[in-house]
PDB file of N, CA and C in Angstrom:
ATOM      1  N   MET A   1     -86.865 -17.608 -25.688  1.00  0.00           N
ATOM      2  CA  MET A   1     -86.015 -18.314 -25.996  1.00  0.00           C
ATOM      3  C   MET A   1     -84.953 -17.125 -26.428  1.00  0.00           C
ATOM      4  N   ASN A   2     -83.886 -17.439 -25.931  1.00  0.00           N
ATOM      5  CA  ASN A   2     -82.581 -16.512 -26.413  1.00  0.00           C
ATOM      6  C   ASN A   2     -82.056 -17.297 -27.619  1.00  0.00           C
ATOM      7  N   CYS A   3     -82.479 -16.685 -28.447  1.00  0.00           N
ATOM      8  CA  CYS A   3     -81.786 -17.048 -30.204  1.00  0.00           C
ATOM      9  C   CYS A   3     -81.746 -15.579 -30.801  1.00  0.00           C
ATOM     10  N   VAL A   4     -80.204 -15.904 -31.934  1.00  0.00           N
ATOM     11  CA  VAL A   4     -80.541 -15.011 -32.743  1.00  0.00           C
ATOM     12  C   VAL A   4     -81.762 -14.838 -33.912  1.00  0.00           C
ATOM     13  N   LYS A   5     -82.284 -13.763 -33.965  1.00  0.00           N
ATOM     14  CA  LYS A   5     -83.172 -13.299 -34.598  1.00  0.00           C
ATOM     15  C   LYS A   5     -82.816 -12.537 -35.955  1.00  0.00           C
ATOM     16  N   ILE A   6     -83.032 -13.163 -36.917  1.00  0.00           N
ATOM     17  CA  ILE A   6     -82.490 -12.841 -38.579  1.00  0.00           C
ATOM     18  C   ILE A   6     -83.190 -12.353 -39.197  1.00  0.00           C
ATOM     19  N   ARG A   7     -83.242 -11.274 -39.589  1.00  0.00           N
ATOM     20  CA  ARG A   7     -84.291 -10.166 -40.239  1.00  0.00           C
ATOM     21  C   ARG A   7     -83.929  -9.940 -41.505  1.00  0.00           C
ATOM     22  N   LYS A   8     -85.064  -9.870 -42.900  1.00  0.00           N
ATOM     23  CA  LYS A   8     -84.950 -10.144 -43.862  1.00  0.00           C
ATOM     24  C   LYS A   8     -85.393  -8.407 -44.572  1.00  0.00           C
ATOM     25  N   SER A   9     -84.673  -7.944 -45.334  1.00  0.00           N
ATOM     26  CA  SER A   9     -84.743  -6.423 -45.586  1.00  0.00           C
ATOM     27  C   SER A   9     -84.006  -6.452 -46.945  1.00  0.00           C
ATOM     28  N   GLY A  10     -84.738  -6.197 -47.969  1.00  0.00           N
ATOM     29  CA  GLY A  10     -84.127  -6.274 -49.272  1.00  0.00           C
ATOM     30  C   GLY A  10     -82.843  -7.679 -50.020  1.00  0.00           C
ATOM     31  N   THR A  11     -82.001  -7.163 -50.083  1.00  0.00           N
ATOM     32  CA  THR A  11     -81.304  -8.239 -50.536  1.00  0.00           C
ATOM     33  C   THR A  11     -80.352  -8.972 -49.096  1.00  0.00           C
ATOM     34  N   PHE A  12     -80.578  -8.142 -48.145  1.00  0.00           N
ATOM     35  CA  PHE A  12     -79.796  -8.248 -46.854  1.00  0.00           C
ATOM     36  C   PHE A  12     -80.559  -8.507 -45.768  1.00  0.00           C
ATOM     37  N   TYR A  13     -79.539  -9.436 -44.961  1.00  0.00           N
ATOM     38  CA  TYR A  13     -80.441  -9.634 -43.671  1.00  0.00           C
ATOM     39  C   TYR A  13     -79.611  -8.881 -42.611  1.00  0.00           C
ATOM     40  N   SER A  14     -80.683  -8.329 -41.198  1.00  0.00           N
ATOM     41  CA  SER A  14     -80.037  -8.090 -40.388  1.00  0.00           C
ATOM     42  C   SER A  14     -79.780  -8.395 -39.356  1.00  0.00           C
ATOM     43  N   VAL A  15     -79.520  -8.371 -37.859  1.00  0.00           N
ATOM     44  CA  VAL A  15     -79.702  -8.551 -36.713  1.00  0.00           C
ATOM     45  C   VAL A  15     -79.189  -7.270 -35.617  1.00  0.00           C
ATOM     46  N   PHE A  16     -80.124  -7.509 -34.664  1.00  0.00           N
ATOM     47  CA  PHE A  16     -79.874  -6.337 -33.818  1.00  0.00           C
ATOM     48  C   PHE A  16     -79.599  -6.846 -32.270  1.00  0.00           C
ATOM     49  N   ASP A  17     -79.271  -5.674 -31.617  1.00  0.00           N
ATOM     50  CA  ASP A  17     -78.892  -5.509 -30.428  1.00  0.00           C
ATOM     51  C   ASP A  17     -78.128  -6.553 -29.662  1.00  0.00           C
ATOM     52  N   ASP A  18     -78.497  -7.800 -28.462  1.00  0.00           N
ATOM     53  CA  ASP A  18     -77.202  -8.242 -28.400  1.00  0.00           C
ATOM     54  C   ASP A  18     -77.198  -9.902 -29.269  1.00  0.00           C
ATOM     55  N   ASP A  19     -77.916 -10.016 -30.447  1.00  0.00           N
ATOM     56  CA  ASP A  19     -77.875 -10.843 -31.353  1.00  0.00           C
ATOM     57  C   ASP A  19     -76.179 -10.391 -32.160  1.00  0.00           C
ATOM     58  N   CYS A  20     -76.149  -9.182 -31.779  1.00  0.00           N
ATOM     59  CA  CYS A  20     -74.871  -8.296 -33.016  1.00  0.00           C
ATOM     60  C   CYS A  20     -73.808  -8.607 -32.516  1.00  0.00           C
ATOM     61  N   TYR A  21     -73.367  -9.255 -30.841  1.00  0.00           N
ATOM     62  CA  TYR A  21     -72.428  -9.932 -30.380  1.00  0.00           C
ATOM     63  C   TYR A  21     -72.139 -11.069 -30.862  1.00  0.00           C
ATOM     64  N   VAL A  22     -73.051 -11.742 -31.049  1.00  0.00           N
ATOM     65  CA  VAL A  22     -72.977 -13.512 -31.105  1.00  0.00           C
ATOM     66  C   VAL A  22     -72.204 -13.769 -32.907  1.00  0.00           C
ATOM     67  N   LEU A  23     -72.566 -12.197 -33.560  1.00  0.00           N
ATOM     68  CA  LEU A  23     -72.189 -12.923 -35.136  1.00  0.00           C
ATOM     69  C   LEU A  23     -71.035 -11.840 -35.106  1.00  0.00           C
ATOM     70  N   TYR A  24     -70.518 -10.669 -34.204  1.00  0.00           N
ATOM     71  CA  TYR A  24     -69.298 -10.214 -33.914  1.00  0.00           C
ATOM     72  C   TYR A  24     -68.326 -10.996 -33.704  1.00  0.00           C
ATOM     73  N   PHE A  25     -68.717 -11.895 -32.552  1.00  0.00           N
ATOM     74  CA  PHE A  25     -67.781 -13.012 -32.331  1.00  0.00           C
ATOM     75  C   PHE A  25     -67.031 -13.709 -33.563  1.00  0.00           C
ATOM     76  N   LEU A  26     -68.176 -14.713 -33.482  1.00  0.00           N
ATOM     77  CA  LEU A  26     -67.965 -15.521 -34.719  1.00  0.00           C
ATOM     78  C   LEU A  26     -67.502 -15.219 -36.437  1.00  0.00           C
ATOM     79  N   LEU A  27     -68.164 -14.127 -36.453  1.00  0.00           N
ATOM     80  CA  LEU A  27     -67.837 -13.417 -37.741  1.00  0.00           C
ATOM     81  C   LEU A  27     -67.057 -12.477 -37.833  1.00  0.00           C
ATOM     82  N   ASP A  28     -66.690 -11.479 -36.932  1.00  0.00           N
ATOM     83  CA  ASP A  28     -65.969 -10.199 -36.600  1.00  0.00           C
ATOM     84  C   ASP A  28     -66.907  -9.232 -37.580  1.00  0.00           C
ATOM     85  N   TYR A  29     -68.142  -9.053 -37.959  1.00  0.00           N
ATOM     86  CA  TYR A  29     -68.924  -8.143 -38.853  1.00  0.00           C
ATOM     87  C   TYR A  29     -69.189  -7.452 -38.259  1.00  0.00           C
ATOM     88  N   LYS A  30     -69.329  -6.472 -38.356  1.00  0.00           N
ATOM     89  CA  LYS A  30     -69.270  -4.855 -38.040  1.00  0.00           C
ATOM     90  C   LYS A  30     -70.354  -4.435 -37.219  1.00  0.00           C
ATOM     91  N   ILE A  31     -70.237  -4.078 -36.161  1.00  0.00           N
ATOM     92  CA  ILE A  31     -71.736  -3.624 -35.537  1.00  0.00           C
ATOM     93  C   ILE A  31     -71.501  -1.808 -35.594  1.00  0.00           C
ATOM     94  N   SER A  32     -72.766  -1.459 -36.260  1.00  0.00           N
ATOM     95  CA  SER A  32     -73.234  -0.277 -36.614  1.00  0.00           C
ATOM     96  C   SER A  32     -74.597   0.147 -35.646  1.00  0.00           C
ATOM     97  N   ASN A  33     -74.489   1.024 -34.488  1.00  0.00           N
ATOM     98  CA  ASN A  33     -75.695   1.221 -34.041  1.00  0.00           C
ATOM     99  C   ASN A  33     -76.610   0.165 -33.776  1.00  0.00           C
ATOM    100  N   SER A  34     -76.017  -0.708 -32.850  1.00  0.00           N
ATOM    101  CA  SER A  34     -76.595  -1.675 -32.540  1.00  0.00           C
ATOM    102  C   SER A  34     -77.156  -2.749 -33.557  1.00  0.00           C
ATOM    103  N   LYS A  35     -76.640  -2.740 -34.714  1.00  0.00           N
ATOM    104  CA  LYS A  35     -77.496  -3.529 -35.684  1.00  0.00           C
ATOM    105  C   LYS A  35     -75.880  -4.171 -36.403  1.00  0.00           C
ATOM    106  N   ILE A  36     -76.079  -5.509 -37.236  1.00  0.00           N
ATOM    107  CA  ILE A  36     -75.156  -5.507 -38.360  1.00  0.00           C
ATOM    108  C   ILE A  36     -75.687  -6.332 -39.209  1.00  0.00           C
ATOM    109  N   GLY A  37     -75.281  -5.775 -40.433  1.00  0.00           N
ATOM    110  CA  GLY A  37     -76.376  -6.570 -42.044  1.00  0.00           C
ATOM    111  C   GLY A  37     -75.067  -7.145 -42.705  1.00  0.00           C
ATOM    112  N   PHE A  38     -75.708  -7.879 -43.458  1.00  0.00           N
ATOM    113  CA  PHE A  38     -75.025  -8.671 -44.241  1.00  0.00           C
ATOM    114  C   PHE A  38     -76.086  -9.353 -45.674  1.00  0.00           C
ATOM    115  N   PRO A  39     -75.240  -9.781 -46.952  1.00  0.00           N
ATOM    116  CA  PRO A  39     -75.940 -10.143 -48.029  1.00  0.00           C
ATOM    117  C   PRO A  39     -76.431 -11.289 -47.760  1.00  0.00           C
ATOM    118  N   LYS A  40     -77.551 -11.297 -48.703  1.00  0.00           N
ATOM    119  CA  LYS A  40     -78.307 -13.165 -48.885  1.00  0.00           C
ATOM    120  C   LYS A  40     -77.174 -13.830 -49.133  1.00  0.00           C
ATOM    121  N   SER A  41     -76.366 -13.654 -49.960  1.00  0.00           N
ATOM    122  CA  SER A  41     -75.255 -14.319 -50.147  1.00  0.00           C
ATOM    123  C   SER A  41     -74.364 -14.927 -49.234  1.00  0.00           C
ATOM    124  N   ALA A  42     -74.463 -14.132 -47.893  1.00  0.00           N
ATOM    125  CA  ALA A  42     -73.834 -14.712 -46.664  1.00  0.00           C
ATOM    126  C   ALA A  42     -74.529 -15.946 -45.697  1.00  0.00           C
ATOM    127  N   LEU A  43     -75.888 -15.819 -45.635  1.00  0.00           N
ATOM    128  CA  LEU A  43     -76.947 -16.158 -44.957  1.00  0.00           C
ATOM    129  C   LEU A  43     -76.318 -17.456 -44.691  1.00  0.00           C
ATOM    130  N   ASN A  44     -76.120 -18.932 -45.443  1.00  0.00           N
ATOM    131  CA  ASN A  44     -75.944 -20.177 -45.342  1.00  0.00           C
ATOM    132  C   ASN A  44     -74.763 -19.873 -44.654  1.00  0.00           C
ATOM    133  N   LYS A  45     -73.935 -19.396 -44.758  1.00  0.00           N
ATOM    134  CA  LYS A  45     -72.841 -19.169 -43.990  1.00  0.00           C
ATOM    135  C   LYS A  45     -72.851 -18.798 -42.185  1.00  0.00           C
ATOM    136  N   VAL A  46     -73.549 -17.807 -42.285  1.00  0.00           N
ATOM    137  CA  VAL A  46     -74.024 -17.639 -41.035  1.00  0.00           C
ATOM    138  C   VAL A  46     -74.937 -19.075 -39.907  1.00  0.00           C
ATOM    139  N   ILE A  47     -75.884 -19.755 -41.012  1.00  0.00           N
ATOM    140  CA  ILE A  47     -76.390 -20.427 -40.134  1.00  0.00           C
ATOM    141  C   ILE A  47     -75.722 -21.174 -39.718  1.00  0.00           C
ATOM    142  N   ASN A  48     -74.829 -22.066 -40.793  1.00  0.00           N
ATOM    143  CA  ASN A  48     -73.930 -23.012 -40.515  1.00  0.00           C
ATOM    144  C   ASN A  48     -72.933 -22.876 -39.220  1.00  0.00           C
ATOM    145  N   LEU A  49     -72.518 -21.426 -39.732  1.00  0.00           N
ATOM    146  CA  LEU A  49     -71.961 -21.001 -38.177  1.00  0.00           C
ATOM    147  C   LEU A  49     -72.177 -21.412 -36.686  1.00  0.00           C
ATOM    148  N   LEU A  50     -73.557 -21.089 -37.025  1.00  0.00           N
ATOM    149  CA  LEU A  50     -74.856 -20.689 -35.761  1.00  0.00           C
ATOM    150  C   LEU A  50     -74.948 -22.479 -35.016  1.00  0.00           C
ATOM    151  N   GLU A  51     -75.199 -23.129 -36.335  1.00  0.00           N
ATOM    152  CA  GLU A  51     -75.481 -24.413 -35.645  1.00  0.00           C
ATOM    153  C   GLU A  51     -74.139 -25.022 -35.225  1.00  0.00           C
ATOM    154  N   GLU A  52     -73.084 -25.013 -36.055  1.00  0.00           N
ATOM    155  CA  GLU A  52     -71.747 -25.591 -35.388  1.00  0.00           C
ATOM    156  C   GLU A  52     -71.607 -25.244 -33.889  1.00  0.00           C
ATOM    157  N   ASN A  53     -71.737 -23.889 -33.454  1.00  0.00           N
ATOM    158  CA  ASN A  53     -71.736 -23.577 -32.105  1.00  0.00           C
ATOM    159  C   ASN A  53     -72.951 -23.456 -31.850  1.00  0.00           C
ATOM    160  N   LYS A  54     -74.008 -24.494 -31.781  1.00  0.00           N
ATOM    161  CA  LYS A  54     -75.384 -24.657 -31.043  1.00  0.00           C
ATOM    162  C   LYS A  54     -75.766 -23.446 -30.578  1.00  0.00           C
ATOM    163  N   VAL A  55     -76.131 -22.465 -31.488  1.00  0.00           N
ATOM    164  CA  VAL A  55     -76.789 -21.032 -31.170  1.00  0.00           C
ATOM    165  C   VAL A  55     -78.293 -21.096 -32.075  1.00  0.00           C
ATOM    166  N   ASN A  56     -79.265 -21.328 -30.825  1.00  0.00           N
ATOM    167  CA  ASN A  56     -80.493 -20.721 -31.446  1.00  0.00           C
ATOM    168  C   ASN A  56     -80.773 -19.866 -32.488  1.00  0.00           C
ATOM    169  N   TYR A  57     -81.579 -19.768 -33.614  1.00  0.00           N
ATOM    170  CA  TYR A  57     -81.818 -18.963 -34.655  1.00  0.00           C
ATOM    171  C   TYR A  57     -83.008 -18.915 -34.880  1.00  0.00           C
ATOM    172  N   GLU A  58     -83.630 -17.893 -35.843  1.00  0.00           N
ATOM    173  CA  GLU A  58     -84.716 -17.723 -35.993  1.00  0.00           C
ATOM    174  C   GLU A  58     -84.759 -16.806 -37.268  1.00  0.00           C
ATOM    175  N   ILE A  59     -84.763 -17.383 -38.720  1.00  0.00           N
ATOM    176  CA  ILE A  59     -85.725 -16.019 -39.468  1.00  0.00           C
ATOM    177  C   ILE A  59     -86.672 -15.619 -39.549  1.00  0.00           C
ATOM    178  N   VAL A  60     -86.567 -14.507 -38.688  1.00  0.00           N
ATOM    179  CA  VAL A  60     -88.214 -13.692 -38.790  1.00  0.00           C
ATOM    180  C   VAL A  60     -89.005 -13.861 -40.344  1.00  0.00           C
ATOM    181  N   GLY A  61     -89.974 -14.190 -39.972  1.00  0.00           N
ATOM    182  CA  GLY A  61     -91.078 -14.256 -41.191  1.00  0.00           C
ATOM    183  C   GLY A  61     -91.085 -15.345 -41.913  1.00  0.00           C
ATOM    184  N   SER A  62     -90.119 -16.333 -41.811  1.00  0.00           N
ATOM    185  CA  SER A  62     -90.133 -17.589 -42.222  1.00  0.00           C
ATOM    186  C   SER A  62     -90.445 -19.211 -41.290  1.00  0.00           C
ATOM    187  N   GLU A  63     -90.736 -20.124 -41.895  1.00  0.00           N
ATOM    188  CA  GLU A  63     -90.293 -21.099 -41.225  1.00  0.00           C
ATOM    189  C   GLU A  63     -89.340 -21.759 -40.229  1.00  0.00           C
ATOM    190  N   GLU A  64     -88.149 -21.207 -41.172  1.00  0.00           N
ATOM    191  CA  GLU A  64     -86.769 -21.461 -40.403  1.00  0.00           C
ATOM    192  C   GLU A  64     -86.105 -21.263 -39.389  1.00  0.00           C
ATOM    193  N   LYS A  65     -86.256 -22.359 -38.117  1.00  0.00           N
ATOM    194  CA  LYS A  65     -85.294 -21.933 -37.009  1.00  0.00           C
ATOM    195  C   LYS A  65     -84.823 -23.060 -36.625  1.00  0.00           C
ATOM    196  N   ARG A  66     -84.454 -22.756 -35.466  1.00  0.00           N
ATOM    197  CA  ARG A  66     -83.229 -24.170 -34.723  1.00  0.00           C
ATOM    198  C   ARG A  66     -83.593 -23.710 -33.345  1.00  0.00           C
ATOM    199  N   ASN A  67     -83.937 -24.913 -32.904  1.00  0.00           N
ATOM    200  CA  ASN A  67     -83.542 -24.597 -30.840  1.00  0.00           C
ATOM    201  C   ASN A  67     -82.911 -25.961 -30.642  1.00  0.00           C
ATOM    202  N   PHE A  68     -81.569 -25.449 -29.982  1.00  0.00           N
ATOM    203  CA  PHE A  68     -80.728 -26.675 -29.263  1.00  0.00           C
ATOM    204  C   PHE A  68     -81.234 -26.752 -28.290  1.00  0.00           C
ATOM    205  N   LYS A  69     -82.160 -26.329 -27.169  1.00  0.00           N
ATOM    206  CA  LYS A  69     -82.887 -26.613 -25.959  1.00  0.00           C
ATOM    207  C   LYS A  69     -81.790 -26.046 -25.119  1.00  0.00           C
ATOM    208  N   ASN A  70     -81.664 -27.233 -23.919  1.00  0.00           N
ATOM    209  CA  ASN A  70     -80.611 -26.891 -23.070  1.00  0.00           C
ATOM    210  C   ASN A  70     -79.215 -26.862 -23.754  1.00  0.00           C
ATOM    211  N   LEU A  71     -78.617 -26.696 -24.533  1.00  0.00           N
ATOM    212  CA  LEU A  71     -77.341 -26.904 -25.556  1.00  0.00           C
ATOM    213  C   LEU A  71     -77.071 -25.817 -26.123  1.00  0.00           C
ATOM    214  N   ASN A  72     -77.880 -24.594 -26.084  1.00  0.00           N
ATOM    215  CA  ASN A  72     -77.794 -23.085 -26.853  1.00  0.00           C
ATOM    216  C   ASN A  72     -76.903 -22.170 -26.020  1.00  0.00           C
ATOM    217  N   ARG A  73     -76.402 -22.163 -26.904  1.00  0.00           N
ATOM    218  CA  ARG A  73     -74.805 -21.302 -26.232  1.00  0.00           C
ATOM    219  C   ARG A  73     -75.299 -19.981 -26.779  1.00  0.00           C
ATOM    220  N   TYR A  74     -76.496 -19.354 -26.966  1.00  0.00           N
ATOM    221  CA  TYR A  74     -76.362 -18.103 -27.434  1.00  0.00           C
ATOM    222  C   TYR A  74     -76.077 -17.129 -26.092  1.00  0.00           C
ATOM    223  N   LEU A  75     -76.180 -17.364 -24.681  1.00  0.00           N
ATOM    224  CA  LEU A  75     -75.922 -16.212 -23.761  1.00  0.00           C
ATOM    225  C   LEU A  75     -74.338 -16.362 -23.768  1.00  0.00           C
ATOM    226  N   LYS A  76     -73.833 -17.405 -23.654  1.00  0.00           N
ATOM    227  CA  LYS A  76     -72.317 -17.221 -23.698  1.00  0.00           C
ATOM    228  C   LYS A  76     -71.494 -16.494 -24.422  1.00  0.00           C
ATOM    229  N   LEU A  77     -72.288 -16.917 -26.432  1.00  0.00           N
ATOM    230  CA  LEU A  77     -71.544 -16.044 -26.757  1.00  0.00           C
ATOM    231  C   LEU A  77     -71.545 -14.631 -27.048  1.00  0.00           C
ATOM    232  N   VAL A  78     -73.142 -14.291 -26.949  1.00  0.00           N
ATOM    233  CA  VAL A  78     -73.690 -12.942 -26.304  1.00  0.00           C
ATOM    234  C   VAL A  78     -72.051 -12.445 -25.432  1.00  0.00           C
ATOM    235  N   ASN A  79     -71.822 -13.300 -24.377  1.00  0.00           N
ATOM    236  CA  ASN A  79     -71.063 -12.419 -23.277  1.00  0.00           C
ATOM    237  C   ASN A  79     -69.770 -12.190 -24.298  1.00  0.00           C
ATOM    238  N   HIS A  80     -69.339 -13.232 -24.556  1.00  0.00           N
ATOM    239  CA  HIS A  80     -67.984 -13.265 -25.424  1.00  0.00           C
ATOM    240  C   HIS A  80     -68.085 -12.343 -26.603  1.00  0.00           C
ATOM    241  N   GLY A  81     -68.894 -12.188 -27.267  1.00  0.00           N
ATOM    242  CA  GLY A  81     -68.590 -11.247 -28.245  1.00  0.00           C
ATOM    243  C   GLY A  81     -68.900  -9.604 -27.246  1.00  0.00           C
ATOM    244  N   LYS A  82     -69.508  -9.496 -26.476  1.00  0.00           N
ATOM    245  CA  LYS A  82     -69.249  -7.630 -25.555  1.00  0.00           C
ATOM    246  C   LYS A  82     -67.824  -7.755 -25.165  1.00  0.00           C
ATOM    247  N   GLU A  83     -67.571  -8.911 -24.651  1.00  0.00           N
ATOM    248  CA  GLU A  83     -65.970  -8.663 -24.062  1.00  0.00           C
ATOM    249  C   GLU A  83     -64.995  -8.359 -25.481  1.00  0.00           C
ATOM    250  N   LYS A  84     -65.439  -9.255 -26.436  1.00  0.00           N
ATOM    251  CA  LYS A  84     -64.560  -9.092 -27.616  1.00  0.00           C
ATOM    252  C   LYS A  84     -64.099  -7.781 -27.902  1.00  0.00           C
ATOM    253  N   TYR A  85     -66.145  -6.960 -28.173  1.00  0.00           N
ATOM    254  CA  TYR A  85     -66.112  -5.749 -28.695  1.00  0.00           C
ATOM    255  C   TYR A  85     -65.567  -4.840 -27.848  1.00  0.00           C
ATOM    256  N   ASP A  86     -66.017  -5.021 -26.427  1.00  0.00           N
ATOM    257  CA  ASP A  86     -65.433  -4.065 -25.492  1.00  0.00           C
ATOM    258  C   ASP A  86     -63.677  -3.822 -25.640  1.00  0.00           C
ATOM    259  N   LYS A  87     -62.978  -5.015 -25.812  1.00  0.00           N
ATOM    260  CA  LYS A  87     -61.680  -4.338 -25.961  1.00  0.00           C
ATOM    261  C   LYS A  87     -61.146  -3.750 -27.186  1.00  0.00           C
ATOM    262  N   GLU A  88     -61.973  -4.267 -28.422  1.00  0.00           N
ATOM    263  CA  GLU A  88     -61.835  -3.558 -29.304  1.00  0.00           C
ATOM    264  C   GLU A  88     -61.873  -1.825 -29.568  1.00  0.00           C
ATOM    265  N   MET A  89     -63.197  -2.076 -28.463  1.00  0.00           N
ATOM    266  CA  MET A  89     -63.228  -0.258 -28.799  1.00  0.00           C
ATOM    267  C   MET A  89     -62.388   0.270 -27.846  1.00  0.00           C
ATOM    268  N   HIS A  90     -61.966   0.154 -26.778  1.00  0.00           N
ATOM    269  CA  HIS A  90     -60.847   0.213 -25.906  1.00  0.00           C
ATOM    270  C   HIS A  90     -59.339   0.603 -26.468  1.00  0.00           C
ATOM    271  N   PHE A  91     -59.312  -0.484 -27.591  1.00  0.00           N
ATOM    272  CA  PHE A  91     -58.155  -0.612 -28.270  1.00  0.00           C
ATOM    273  C   PHE A  91     -58.382   1.025 -29.547  1.00  0.00           C
ATOM    274  N   VAL A  92     -59.659   0.764 -29.847  1.00  0.00           N
ATOM    275  CA  VAL A  92     -59.722   2.176 -30.944  1.00  0.00           C
ATOM    276  C   VAL A  92     -59.654   3.852 -30.120  1.00  0.00           C
ATOM    277  N   ASN A  93     -59.922   3.597 -28.547  1.00  0.00           N
ATOM    278  CA  ASN A  93     -60.019   4.842 -28.053  1.00  0.00           C
ATOM    279  C   ASN A  93     -58.743   5.104 -27.846  1.00  0.00           C
ATOM    280  N   ILE A  94     -58.250   3.843 -27.601  1.00  0.00           N
ATOM    281  CA  ILE A  94     -56.224   4.393 -27.503  1.00  0.00           C
ATOM    282  C   ILE A  94     -55.712   4.383 -29.233  1.00  0.00           C
ATOM    283  N   LYS A  95     -55.930   3.780 -29.371  1.00  0.00           N
ATOM    284  CA  LYS A  95     -55.633   4.648 -31.312  1.00  0.00           C
ATOM    285  C   LYS A  95     -56.071   6.153 -31.727  1.00  0.00           C
ATOM    286  N   GLU A  96     -56.961   6.409 -31.301  1.00  0.00           N
ATOM    287  CA  GLU A  96     -57.659   7.734 -31.849  1.00  0.00           C
ATOM    288  C   GLU A  96     -57.007   8.684 -30.670  1.00  0.00           C
ATOM    289  N   LYS A  97     -56.478   8.669 -29.505  1.00  0.00           N
ATOM    290  CA  LYS A  97     -55.390   9.434 -28.427  1.00  0.00           C
ATOM    291  C   LYS A  97     -54.421   9.924 -29.147  1.00  0.00           C
ATOM    292  N   ILE A  98     -54.293   8.446 -29.652  1.00  0.00           N
ATOM    293  CA  ILE A  98     -52.302   8.570 -29.798  1.00  0.00           C
ATOM    294  C   ILE A  98     -52.005   8.975 -31.231  1.00  0.00           C
ATOM    295  N   LYS A  99     -52.835   9.248 -32.016  1.00  0.00           N
ATOM    296  CA  LYS A  99     -53.138  10.365 -33.009  1.00  0.00           C
ATOM    297  C   LYS A  99     -52.698  11.794 -32.948  1.00  0.00           C
ATOM    298  N   ASN A 100     -53.038  12.238 -31.343  1.00  0.00           N
ATOM    299  CA  ASN A 100     -53.185  13.665 -31.358  1.00  0.00           C
ATOM    300  C   ASN A 100     -51.490  14.201 -30.121  1.00  0.00           C
ATOM    301  N   VAL A 101     -50.775  12.683 -29.498  1.00  0.00           N
ATOM    302  CA  VAL A 101     -49.421  13.346 -29.295  1.00  0.00           C
ATOM    303  C   VAL A 101     -48.522  13.394 -30.195  1.00  0.00           C
ATOM    304  N   SER A 102     -47.487  14.075 -29.455  1.00  0.00           N
ATOM    305  CA  SER A 102     -46.020  14.504 -30.309  1.00  0.00           C
ATOM    306  C   SER A 102     -45.221  13.454 -30.933  1.00  0.00           C
ATOM    307  N   PRO A 103     -44.547  13.942 -31.752  1.00  0.00           N
ATOM    308  CA  PRO A 103     -43.660  12.514 -32.295  1.00  0.00           C
ATOM    309  C   PRO A 103     -42.819  11.927 -31.256  1.00  0.00           C
ATOM    310  N   GLU A 104     -42.580  12.687 -30.487  1.00  0.00           N
ATOM    311  CA  GLU A 104     -41.733  12.454 -29.691  1.00  0.00           C
ATOM    312  C   GLU A 104     -42.453  11.534 -28.335  1.00  0.00           C
ATOM    313  N   LYS A 105     -43.253  11.876 -27.872  1.00  0.00           N
ATOM    314  CA  LYS A 105     -44.350  11.377 -27.127  1.00  0.00           C
ATOM    315  C   LYS A 105     -44.778   9.893 -27.843  1.00  0.00           C
ATOM    316  N   LEU A 106     -44.821  10.095 -28.791  1.00  0.00           N
ATOM    317  CA  LEU A 106     -45.504   8.410 -29.510  1.00  0.00           C
ATOM    318  C   LEU A 106     -44.102   7.385 -29.410  1.00  0.00           C
ATOM    319  N   GLU A 107     -42.563   8.255 -30.112  1.00  0.00           N
ATOM    320  CA  GLU A 107     -42.066   7.252 -29.949  1.00  0.00           C
ATOM    321  C   GLU A 107     -41.893   6.318 -28.325  1.00  0.00           C
ATOM    322  N   LYS A 108     -41.680   7.210 -27.373  1.00  0.00           N
ATOM    323  CA  LYS A 108     -42.133   6.516 -26.177  1.00  0.00           C
ATOM    324  C   LYS A 108     -42.995   5.483 -25.800  1.00  0.00           C
ATOM    325  N   ILE A 109     -44.201   6.406 -25.873  1.00  0.00           N
ATOM    326  CA  ILE A 109     -45.374   5.618 -25.764  1.00  0.00           C
ATOM    327  C   ILE A 109     -44.974   3.694 -26.715  1.00  0.00           C
ATOM    328  N   LEU A 110     -44.861   3.848 -28.242  1.00  0.00           N
ATOM    329  CA  LEU A 110     -44.143   2.524 -29.083  1.00  0.00           C
ATOM    330  C   LEU A 110     -43.317   1.938 -28.201  1.00  0.00           C
ATOM    331  N   LEU A 111     -42.602   2.740 -28.167  1.00  0.00           N
ATOM    332  CA  LEU A 111     -41.144   1.560 -27.147  1.00  0.00           C
ATOM    333  C   LEU A 111     -41.922   0.784 -25.675  1.00  0.00           C
ATOM    334  N   THR A 112     -42.282   1.964 -25.031  1.00  0.00           N
ATOM    335  CA  THR A 112     -42.837   0.751 -24.161  1.00  0.00           C
ATOM    336  C   THR A 112     -43.842   0.039 -24.377  1.00  0.00           C
ATOM    337  N   ILE A 113     -44.871  -0.098 -25.108  1.00  0.00           N
ATOM    338  CA  ILE A 113     -45.586  -1.212 -25.868  1.00  0.00           C
ATOM    339  C   ILE A 113     -44.885  -1.956 -26.268  1.00  0.00           C
ATOM    340  N   GLU A 114     -43.860  -1.771 -27.313  1.00  0.00           N
ATOM    341  CA  GLU A 114     -42.898  -3.063 -27.121  1.00  0.00           C
ATOM    342  C   GLU A 114     -42.200  -3.796 -26.525  1.00  0.00           C
ATOM    343  N   ASN A 115     -41.796  -3.177 -25.273  1.00  0.00           N
ATOM    344  CA  ASN A 115     -40.931  -3.495 -24.138  1.00  0.00           C
ATOM    345  C   ASN A 115     -41.948  -4.296 -23.220  1.00  0.00           C
ATOM    346  N   ILE A 116     -43.403  -4.082 -23.214  1.00  0.00           N
ATOM    347  CA  ILE A 116     -44.344  -5.063 -22.975  1.00  0.00           C
ATOM    348  C   ILE A 116     -44.642  -6.101 -23.334  1.00  0.00           C
ATOM    349  N   LEU A 117     -44.372  -6.187 -24.785  1.00  0.00           N
ATOM    350  CA  LEU A 117     -44.530  -6.893 -25.812  1.00  0.00           C
ATOM    351  C   LEU A 117     -43.853  -8.121 -25.656  1.00  0.00           C
ATOM    352  N   ASN A 118     -43.106  -7.514 -25.442  1.00  0.00           N
ATOM    353  CA  ASN A 118     -41.530  -8.156 -25.925  1.00  0.00           C
ATOM    354  C   ASN A 118     -41.223  -9.189 -24.222  1.00  0.00           C
ATOM    355  N   GLU A 119     -41.837  -8.573 -23.123  1.00  0.00           N
ATOM    356  CA  GLU A 119     -41.893  -9.984 -22.002  1.00  0.00           C
ATOM    357  C   GLU A 119     -42.517 -10.765 -22.379  1.00  0.00           C
ATOM    358  N   GLN A 120     -43.669 -11.141 -22.959  1.00  0.00           N
ATOM    359  CA  GLN A 120     -44.174 -11.725 -22.983  1.00  0.00           C
ATOM    360  C   GLN A 120     -43.742 -13.159 -23.564  1.00  0.00           C
TER     361      GLN A 120
END
């Protein structure tokens, strides 16, 4: 079953691997080493969003789980999350490269970006 597996670790909860992309897409939680962690106080918020978006989930080590059967949107949100994450990483890489350019070149880059954005 494709579902977000939520694991308790002390006063925090964690999700791993593809499950991260679902929470990243829905909540913009930061992914670090294929893991997202969030405090116990955010658990209801996470569960409510998963339910609203019809995403199967399970809290590992407890009886709490939800199965939306054919309505499950897990794979769709994993894909959306991966796309969103790839775009953000692309932006971060460009931003890092820009830090190393000369002030003159930076001005040209910024003007080019601004012109492109103004065309929309």
